[in-house]
Amino acid sequence: MNESFTLSANSTSRDMIPVAMTVHEILNRLPVTMRSKNNRGIKIENGGVKSESYTGPVLETVLKENLTVKTKPESGDYKDIPVIVAPIRDSTGLPIAAIGVVDITGIFDLADLMKRQTEWWKKG
């Protein structure tokens, strides 16, 4: 049996599970969130789908602005925890979905700290 699927602005949470679970596993099971432009999405933690009706402030911002965002949300399920969220774009460059990774390890903050330290040494 040869199955395929297509992501679109109207994808449902069920449509997003294969992509989000793959990212979750590749990143050593860091939490992953994803939603389409027109439907709420999913939240994946600890190897399983925790919500099939998920959205968050950064996912919504990324869909609106069509930019990758690295931040610590001021609200929502991952308040004050570093996240990186990127748009998934169609062939014309418009955002159809957004996918994010929650950095519960602090690795992203460590990378930022190292970058700032390197810049400081170059100035000195």
Protein backbone atom coordinates (compact mmCIF):
# COMPACT_ATOMS: atom_id res chain seq x y z
CA MET A 1 0.00 0.00 0.00
CA ASN A 2 1.46 3.34 -1.05
CA GLU A 3 0.11 6.22 1.02
CA SER A 4 0.92 9.89 0.68
CA PHE A 5 -0.29 13.11 2.21
CA THR A 6 -0.09 16.80 1.49
CA LEU A 7 0.18 19.64 3.96
CA SER A 8 -1.94 22.67 3.22
CA ALA A 9 -3.38 25.72 4.94
CA ASN A 10 -6.40 23.55 5.73
CA SER A 11 -4.52 20.54 7.14
CA THR A 12 -5.99 19.06 10.28
CA SER A 13 -4.11 18.00 13.37
CA ARG A 14 -4.29 14.38 12.15
CA ASP A 15 -2.61 15.42 8.87
CA MET A 16 0.29 16.97 10.80
CA ILE A 17 1.10 14.04 13.09
CA PRO A 18 3.59 12.26 10.76
CA VAL A 19 5.70 15.39 10.22
CA ALA A 20 5.63 16.57 13.83
CA MET A 21 6.40 13.10 15.22
CA THR A 22 9.37 12.79 12.86
CA VAL A 23 10.79 16.13 14.03
CA HIS A 24 10.12 15.11 17.65
CA GLU A 25 12.10 11.88 17.23
CA ILE A 26 14.98 13.50 15.29
CA LEU A 27 15.40 16.07 18.06
CA ASN A 28 15.62 13.46 20.80
CA ARG A 29 11.99 13.95 21.79
CA LEU A 30 12.04 17.67 22.45
CA PRO A 31 8.44 18.94 22.56
CA VAL A 32 7.09 19.90 19.13
CA THR A 33 4.05 21.99 18.27
CA MET A 34 2.49 22.50 14.86
CA ARG A 35 -0.62 24.04 13.35
CA SER A 36 -1.92 24.89 9.90
CA LYS A 37 -3.01 28.37 8.91
CA ASN A 38 -6.71 27.56 9.12
CA ASN A 39 -6.86 24.87 11.82
CA ARG A 40 -5.56 24.31 15.31
CA GLY A 41 -2.83 21.73 15.49
CA ILE A 42 -0.91 19.38 17.72
CA LYS A 43 1.35 19.31 20.71
CA ILE A 44 3.75 16.39 21.02
CA GLU A 45 5.69 15.56 24.18
CA ASN A 46 7.42 12.42 25.49
CA GLY A 47 6.79 10.36 22.37
CA GLY A 48 3.06 11.00 22.07
CA VAL A 49 0.41 13.44 20.94
CA LYS A 50 -0.75 15.43 23.99
CA SER A 51 -3.24 17.67 22.16
CA GLU A 52 -4.97 17.58 18.78
CA SER A 53 -6.44 21.06 19.20
CA TYR A 54 -3.33 23.09 20.00
CA THR A 55 -2.23 26.59 19.21
CA GLY A 56 0.14 28.98 20.87
CA PRO A 57 1.07 32.64 20.64
CA VAL A 58 4.33 32.05 18.78
CA LEU A 59 2.75 29.67 16.24
CA GLU A 60 0.15 32.34 15.52
CA THR A 61 2.78 35.09 15.23
CA VAL A 62 4.83 33.04 12.78
CA LEU A 63 1.78 32.40 10.58
CA LYS A 64 0.89 36.10 10.63
CA GLU A 65 4.40 37.46 10.00
CA ASN A 66 5.78 34.61 7.86
CA LEU A 67 9.10 34.71 9.75
CA THR A 68 11.05 32.30 11.92
CA VAL A 69 10.84 33.35 15.56
CA LYS A 70 13.19 32.42 18.39
CA THR A 71 11.83 33.65 21.73
CA LYS A 72 10.57 32.85 25.20
CA PRO A 73 6.78 33.11 25.07
CA GLU A 74 5.17 35.48 27.57
CA SER A 75 2.06 33.29 27.76
CA GLY A 76 0.78 29.85 26.87
CA ASP A 77 1.85 26.32 27.73
CA TYR A 78 5.55 27.07 27.27
CA LYS A 79 5.71 30.45 28.99
CA ASP A 80 9.33 31.55 29.66
CA ILE A 81 10.83 28.47 27.92
CA PRO A 82 12.89 29.07 24.74
CA VAL A 83 11.15 28.08 21.51
CA ILE A 84 12.02 28.24 17.84
CA VAL A 85 9.09 28.31 15.43
CA ALA A 86 9.32 28.43 11.63
CA PRO A 87 6.74 28.76 8.87
CA ILE A 88 6.08 26.04 6.34
CA ARG A 89 5.49 27.87 3.07
CA ASP A 90 3.68 26.99 -0.14
CA SER A 91 5.31 27.31 -3.56
CA THR A 92 4.54 31.05 -3.64
CA GLY A 93 6.19 31.69 -0.27
CA LEU A 94 3.01 32.14 1.75
CA PRO A 95 2.78 30.41 5.13
CA ILE A 96 0.47 27.40 5.24
CA ALA A 97 1.58 26.02 8.61
CA ALA A 98 4.02 26.61 11.44
CA ILE A 99 6.13 24.12 13.37
CA GLY A 100 8.00 24.77 16.58
CA VAL A 101 10.46 23.13 18.92
CA VAL A 102 10.47 23.79 22.65
CA ASP A 103 13.98 23.90 24.10
CA ILE A 104 13.49 22.28 27.50
CA THR A 105 17.24 21.52 27.56
CA GLY A 106 18.52 25.09 27.36
CA ILE A 107 20.68 24.25 24.31
CA PHE A 108 19.39 27.19 22.30
CA ASP A 109 20.17 29.58 25.14
CA LEU A 110 23.64 28.05 25.45
CA ALA A 111 24.27 28.66 21.74
CA ASP A 112 23.18 32.28 22.13
CA LEU A 113 25.42 32.71 25.16
CA MET A 114 28.40 31.31 23.25
CA LYS A 115 27.69 33.65 20.32
CA ARG A 116 27.61 36.68 22.62
CA GLN A 117 30.81 35.54 24.37
CA THR A 118 32.59 35.20 21.02
CA GLU A 119 31.44 38.69 19.97
CA TRP A 120 32.66 40.10 23.29
CA TRP A 121 36.12 38.51 22.80
CA LYS A 122 36.37 39.92 19.27
CA LYS A 123 35.67 43.45 20.59
CA GLY A 124 38.17 43.20 23.42
